[in-house]
Amino acid sequence: MPEARSPLALALNLLSRRDHSEAELRKKLIPKGFSTEALDEALARLKSAGYLDDRRFARSFAESALRNGRGYGFRLRLELSRRGIADEIIEETLAALGDEYEEVTTLSELMARKFEGFDPHQADERQKRRVISYFQRRGFSLAAIIRVFRDRGE
């Protein structure tokens, strides 16, 4: 059993609340004053035990963001990168989820949930800009947004 102030115990405590990337965990543990060797050893043990896995974290984070409308495309890539996920893993994850979460379908579902009753053909320019901006900030392409606008009006 690790002692209460060991990097392994603190890392397990953090991982018990939610999944983290290796970089996030390291960033949270560095201010605690542990040596680099102790941190490396603790993170290596967590990885070998399967508690710490950047691929699993990236997939879980990306799926949650896609389902909840928090990100798509470039925005999701940026968020994963901010969390210390390697570019190779980001590309793998987005490619795998791209088939499952097609942009227009995902956008259409999110628009129906977030802007229920929104009719692009009845809306004024200000309302349209508001909706377009909302989804562009989340990484959806303008082409996909316009396509959903057209589909919703028919």
C-alpha atoms as a PDB file:
ATOM      1  CA  MET A   1       0.000   0.000   0.000  1.00  0.00           C
ATOM      2  CA  PRO A   2       1.544   3.322  -1.003  1.00  0.00           C
ATOM      3  CA  GLU A   3       1.977   5.949   1.647  1.00  0.00           C
ATOM      4  CA  ALA A   4      -0.544   8.822   1.689  1.00  0.00           C
ATOM      5  CA  ARG A   5       1.844  11.421   0.268  1.00  0.00           C
ATOM      6  CA  SER A   6       3.346   9.298  -2.498  1.00  0.00           C
ATOM      7  CA  PRO A   7       2.897  10.403  -6.109  1.00  0.00           C
ATOM      8  CA  LEU A   8       1.230   7.065  -6.847  1.00  0.00           C
ATOM      9  CA  ALA A   9      -1.383   7.540  -4.111  1.00  0.00           C
ATOM     10  CA  LEU A  10      -2.148  11.100  -5.200  1.00  0.00           C
ATOM     11  CA  ALA A  11      -2.351  10.064  -8.863  1.00  0.00           C
ATOM     12  CA  LEU A  12      -4.730   7.207  -8.002  1.00  0.00           C
ATOM     13  CA  ASN A  13      -6.840   9.645  -6.000  1.00  0.00           C
ATOM     14  CA  LEU A  14      -7.061  11.983  -9.012  1.00  0.00           C
ATOM     15  CA  LEU A  15      -7.823   9.115 -11.388  1.00  0.00           C
ATOM     16  CA  SER A  16     -10.585   7.857  -9.115  1.00  0.00           C
ATOM     17  CA  ARG A  17     -12.519  11.065  -9.805  1.00  0.00           C
ATOM     18  CA  ARG A  18     -12.113  11.138 -13.608  1.00  0.00           C
ATOM     19  CA  ASP A  19      -9.803   9.933 -16.346  1.00  0.00           C
ATOM     20  CA  HIS A  20      -6.771  12.147 -17.061  1.00  0.00           C
ATOM     21  CA  SER A  21      -4.127  12.254 -19.748  1.00  0.00           C
ATOM     22  CA  GLU A  22      -0.570  11.581 -18.674  1.00  0.00           C
ATOM     23  CA  ALA A  23       0.338  15.252 -19.225  1.00  0.00           C
ATOM     24  CA  GLU A  24      -2.604  16.470 -17.114  1.00  0.00           C
ATOM     25  CA  LEU A  25      -1.688  14.131 -14.280  1.00  0.00           C
ATOM     26  CA  ARG A  26       1.965  15.149 -14.409  1.00  0.00           C
ATOM     27  CA  LYS A  27       0.960  18.842 -14.391  1.00  0.00           C
ATOM     28  CA  LYS A  28      -1.180  18.317 -11.291  1.00  0.00           C
ATOM     29  CA  LEU A  29       1.513  16.361  -9.439  1.00  0.00           C
ATOM     30  CA  ILE A  30       4.551  18.578 -10.198  1.00  0.00           C
ATOM     31  CA  PRO A  31       3.534  21.351  -7.740  1.00  0.00           C
ATOM     32  CA  LYS A  32       3.401  18.750  -4.947  1.00  0.00           C
ATOM     33  CA  GLY A  33       7.211  18.712  -4.891  1.00  0.00           C
ATOM     34  CA  PHE A  34       7.924  15.147  -6.009  1.00  0.00           C
ATOM     35  CA  SER A  35      11.159  14.332  -7.814  1.00  0.00           C
ATOM     36  CA  THR A  36      11.014  13.733 -11.544  1.00  0.00           C
ATOM     37  CA  GLU A  37      12.138  10.127 -10.978  1.00  0.00           C
ATOM     38  CA  ALA A  38       9.339   9.478  -8.468  1.00  0.00           C
ATOM     39  CA  LEU A  39       6.746  10.954 -10.844  1.00  0.00           C
ATOM     40  CA  ASP A  40       8.077   8.963 -13.798  1.00  0.00           C
ATOM     41  CA  GLU A  41       7.998   5.751 -11.760  1.00  0.00           C
ATOM     42  CA  ALA A  42       4.446   6.369 -10.513  1.00  0.00           C
ATOM     43  CA  LEU A  43       3.138   7.211 -13.992  1.00  0.00           C
ATOM     44  CA  ALA A  44       4.899   4.165 -15.481  1.00  0.00           C
ATOM     45  CA  ARG A  45       3.229   1.918 -12.870  1.00  0.00           C
ATOM     46  CA  LEU A  46      -0.166   3.432 -13.625  1.00  0.00           C
ATOM     47  CA  LYS A  47       0.339   2.931 -17.363  1.00  0.00           C
ATOM     48  CA  SER A  48       1.450  -0.686 -16.967  1.00  0.00           C
ATOM     49  CA  ALA A  49      -1.568  -1.383 -14.716  1.00  0.00           C
ATOM     50  CA  GLY A  50      -3.894   0.172 -17.317  1.00  0.00           C
ATOM     51  CA  TYR A  51      -5.066   3.044 -15.112  1.00  0.00           C
ATOM     52  CA  LEU A  52      -3.414   5.671 -17.312  1.00  0.00           C
ATOM     53  CA  ASP A  53      -3.974   5.476 -21.058  1.00  0.00           C
ATOM     54  CA  ASP A  54      -3.861   8.529 -23.345  1.00  0.00           C
ATOM     55  CA  ARG A  55      -5.661   6.696 -26.167  1.00  0.00           C
ATOM     56  CA  ARG A  56      -8.555   5.742 -23.907  1.00  0.00           C
ATOM     57  CA  PHE A  57      -8.674   9.251 -22.428  1.00  0.00           C
ATOM     58  CA  ALA A  58      -8.677  10.880 -25.894  1.00  0.00           C
ATOM     59  CA  ARG A  59     -11.489   8.646 -27.140  1.00  0.00           C
ATOM     60  CA  SER A  60     -13.589   9.155 -24.019  1.00  0.00           C
ATOM     61  CA  PHE A  61     -13.046  12.928 -23.983  1.00  0.00           C
ATOM     62  CA  ALA A  62     -13.758  13.280 -27.703  1.00  0.00           C
ATOM     63  CA  GLU A  63     -16.917  11.155 -27.574  1.00  0.00           C
ATOM     64  CA  SER A  64     -18.249  13.167 -24.668  1.00  0.00           C
ATOM     65  CA  ALA A  65     -17.490  16.448 -26.431  1.00  0.00           C
ATOM     66  CA  LEU A  66     -19.161  15.257 -29.624  1.00  0.00           C
ATOM     67  CA  ARG A  67     -22.277  13.952 -27.863  1.00  0.00           C
ATOM     68  CA  ASN A  68     -22.671  17.109 -25.802  1.00  0.00           C
ATOM     69  CA  GLY A  69     -21.872  19.594 -28.551  1.00  0.00           C
ATOM     70  CA  ARG A  70     -18.731  20.964 -26.914  1.00  0.00           C
ATOM     71  CA  GLY A  71     -16.483  20.371 -29.885  1.00  0.00           C
ATOM     72  CA  TYR A  72     -15.965  19.083 -33.382  1.00  0.00           C
ATOM     73  CA  GLY A  73     -13.113  19.218 -35.891  1.00  0.00           C
ATOM     74  CA  PHE A  74     -10.471  21.836 -35.139  1.00  0.00           C
ATOM     75  CA  ARG A  75     -11.979  22.676 -31.737  1.00  0.00           C
ATOM     76  CA  LEU A  76     -11.774  19.083 -30.575  1.00  0.00           C
ATOM     77  CA  ARG A  77      -8.229  18.795 -31.928  1.00  0.00           C
ATOM     78  CA  LEU A  78      -7.275  21.930 -29.970  1.00  0.00           C
ATOM     79  CA  GLU A  79      -8.874  20.710 -26.724  1.00  0.00           C
ATOM     80  CA  LEU A  80      -7.112  17.342 -26.912  1.00  0.00           C
ATOM     81  CA  SER A  81      -3.822  19.044 -27.682  1.00  0.00           C
ATOM     82  CA  ARG A  82      -4.262  21.353 -24.657  1.00  0.00           C
ATOM     83  CA  ARG A  83      -4.626  18.250 -22.524  1.00  0.00           C
ATOM     84  CA  GLY A  84      -1.255  16.947 -23.681  1.00  0.00           C
ATOM     85  CA  ILE A  85      -2.418  14.283 -26.116  1.00  0.00           C
ATOM     86  CA  ALA A  86       0.095  13.472 -28.871  1.00  0.00           C
ATOM     87  CA  ASP A  87      -0.824  14.544 -32.416  1.00  0.00           C
ATOM     88  CA  GLU A  88      -0.693  10.925 -33.606  1.00  0.00           C
ATOM     89  CA  ILE A  89      -3.275   9.860 -31.009  1.00  0.00           C
ATOM     90  CA  ILE A  90      -5.467  12.882 -31.797  1.00  0.00           C
ATOM     91  CA  GLU A  91      -5.519  12.021 -35.490  1.00  0.00           C
ATOM     92  CA  GLU A  92      -6.260   8.336 -34.749  1.00  0.00           C
ATOM     93  CA  THR A  93      -9.093   9.256 -32.395  1.00  0.00           C
ATOM     94  CA  LEU A  94     -10.692  11.806 -34.705  1.00  0.00           C
ATOM     95  CA  ALA A  95     -10.448   9.443 -37.680  1.00  0.00           C
ATOM     96  CA  ALA A  96     -12.102   6.639 -35.704  1.00  0.00           C
ATOM     97  CA  LEU A  97     -14.882   8.883 -34.417  1.00  0.00           C
ATOM     98  CA  GLY A  98     -15.349  10.663 -37.764  1.00  0.00           C
ATOM     99  CA  ASP A  99     -17.246   7.677 -39.136  1.00  0.00           C
ATOM    100  CA  GLU A 100     -19.428   7.409 -36.060  1.00  0.00           C
ATOM    101  CA  TYR A 101     -20.157  11.122 -35.729  1.00  0.00           C
ATOM    102  CA  GLU A 102     -20.663  12.464 -39.257  1.00  0.00           C
ATOM    103  CA  GLU A 103     -20.527  16.265 -39.166  1.00  0.00           C
ATOM    104  CA  VAL A 104     -23.893  17.140 -40.756  1.00  0.00           C
ATOM    105  CA  THR A 105     -25.811  14.482 -38.794  1.00  0.00           C
ATOM    106  CA  THR A 106     -24.170  15.453 -35.508  1.00  0.00           C
ATOM    107  CA  LEU A 107     -24.745  19.140 -36.176  1.00  0.00           C
ATOM    108  CA  SER A 108     -28.376  18.570 -37.115  1.00  0.00           C
ATOM    109  CA  GLU A 109     -29.037  16.663 -33.871  1.00  0.00           C
ATOM    110  CA  LEU A 110     -27.278  19.316 -31.780  1.00  0.00           C
ATOM    111  CA  MET A 111     -29.139  22.145 -33.498  1.00  0.00           C
ATOM    112  CA  ALA A 112     -32.475  20.433 -32.834  1.00  0.00           C
ATOM    113  CA  ARG A 113     -31.568  20.081 -29.128  1.00  0.00           C
ATOM    114  CA  LYS A 114     -29.888  23.437 -28.549  1.00  0.00           C
ATOM    115  CA  PHE A 115     -32.059  25.645 -30.745  1.00  0.00           C
ATOM    116  CA  GLU A 116     -35.380  23.858 -30.606  1.00  0.00           C
ATOM    117  CA  GLY A 117     -37.919  25.480 -32.896  1.00  0.00           C
ATOM    118  CA  PHE A 118     -35.267  27.452 -34.783  1.00  0.00           C
ATOM    119  CA  ASP A 119     -36.311  27.867 -38.408  1.00  0.00           C
ATOM    120  CA  PRO A 120     -33.559  29.392 -40.549  1.00  0.00           C
ATOM    121  CA  HIS A 121     -36.100  30.521 -43.161  1.00  0.00           C
ATOM    122  CA  GLN A 122     -38.147  32.445 -40.575  1.00  0.00           C
ATOM    123  CA  ALA A 123     -35.207  33.785 -38.564  1.00  0.00           C
ATOM    124  CA  ASP A 124     -33.757  37.247 -39.075  1.00  0.00           C
ATOM    125  CA  GLU A 125     -30.078  37.780 -39.904  1.00  0.00           C
ATOM    126  CA  ARG A 126     -29.121  38.410 -36.273  1.00  0.00           C
ATOM    127  CA  GLN A 127     -30.611  35.098 -35.124  1.00  0.00           C
ATOM    128  CA  LYS A 128     -28.918  33.233 -37.979  1.00  0.00           C
ATOM    129  CA  ARG A 129     -25.542  34.802 -37.157  1.00  0.00           C
ATOM    130  CA  ARG A 130     -25.980  33.826 -33.504  1.00  0.00           C
ATOM    131  CA  VAL A 131     -26.609  30.178 -34.382  1.00  0.00           C
ATOM    132  CA  ILE A 132     -23.836  30.090 -36.995  1.00  0.00           C
ATOM    133  CA  SER A 133     -21.339  31.641 -34.558  1.00  0.00           C
ATOM    134  CA  TYR A 134     -22.325  29.225 -31.806  1.00  0.00           C
ATOM    135  CA  PHE A 135     -21.541  26.187 -33.946  1.00  0.00           C
ATOM    136  CA  GLN A 136     -18.454  27.652 -35.611  1.00  0.00           C
ATOM    137  CA  ARG A 137     -16.923  28.291 -32.175  1.00  0.00           C
ATOM    138  CA  ARG A 138     -17.418  24.602 -31.481  1.00  0.00           C
ATOM    139  CA  GLY A 139     -15.530  23.604 -34.635  1.00  0.00           C
ATOM    140  CA  PHE A 140     -18.279  22.908 -37.166  1.00  0.00           C
ATOM    141  CA  SER A 141     -17.642  24.047 -40.723  1.00  0.00           C
ATOM    142  CA  LEU A 142     -19.709  26.819 -42.279  1.00  0.00           C
ATOM    143  CA  ALA A 143     -20.574  24.483 -45.172  1.00  0.00           C
ATOM    144  CA  ALA A 144     -22.108  21.951 -42.776  1.00  0.00           C
ATOM    145  CA  ILE A 145     -24.038  24.651 -40.918  1.00  0.00           C
ATOM    146  CA  ILE A 146     -25.488  26.051 -44.153  1.00  0.00           C
ATOM    147  CA  ARG A 147     -26.395  22.531 -45.306  1.00  0.00           C
ATOM    148  CA  VAL A 148     -28.287  21.900 -42.050  1.00  0.00           C
ATOM    149  CA  PHE A 149     -30.021  25.274 -42.437  1.00  0.00           C
ATOM    150  CA  ARG A 150     -31.189  24.237 -45.916  1.00  0.00           C
ATOM    151  CA  ASP A 151     -32.298  20.787 -44.725  1.00  0.00           C
ATOM    152  CA  ARG A 152     -34.247  22.231 -41.778  1.00  0.00           C
ATOM    153  CA  GLY A 153     -36.175  24.613 -43.975  1.00  0.00           C
ATOM    154  CA  GLU A 154     -37.466  21.917 -46.290  1.00  0.00           C
END
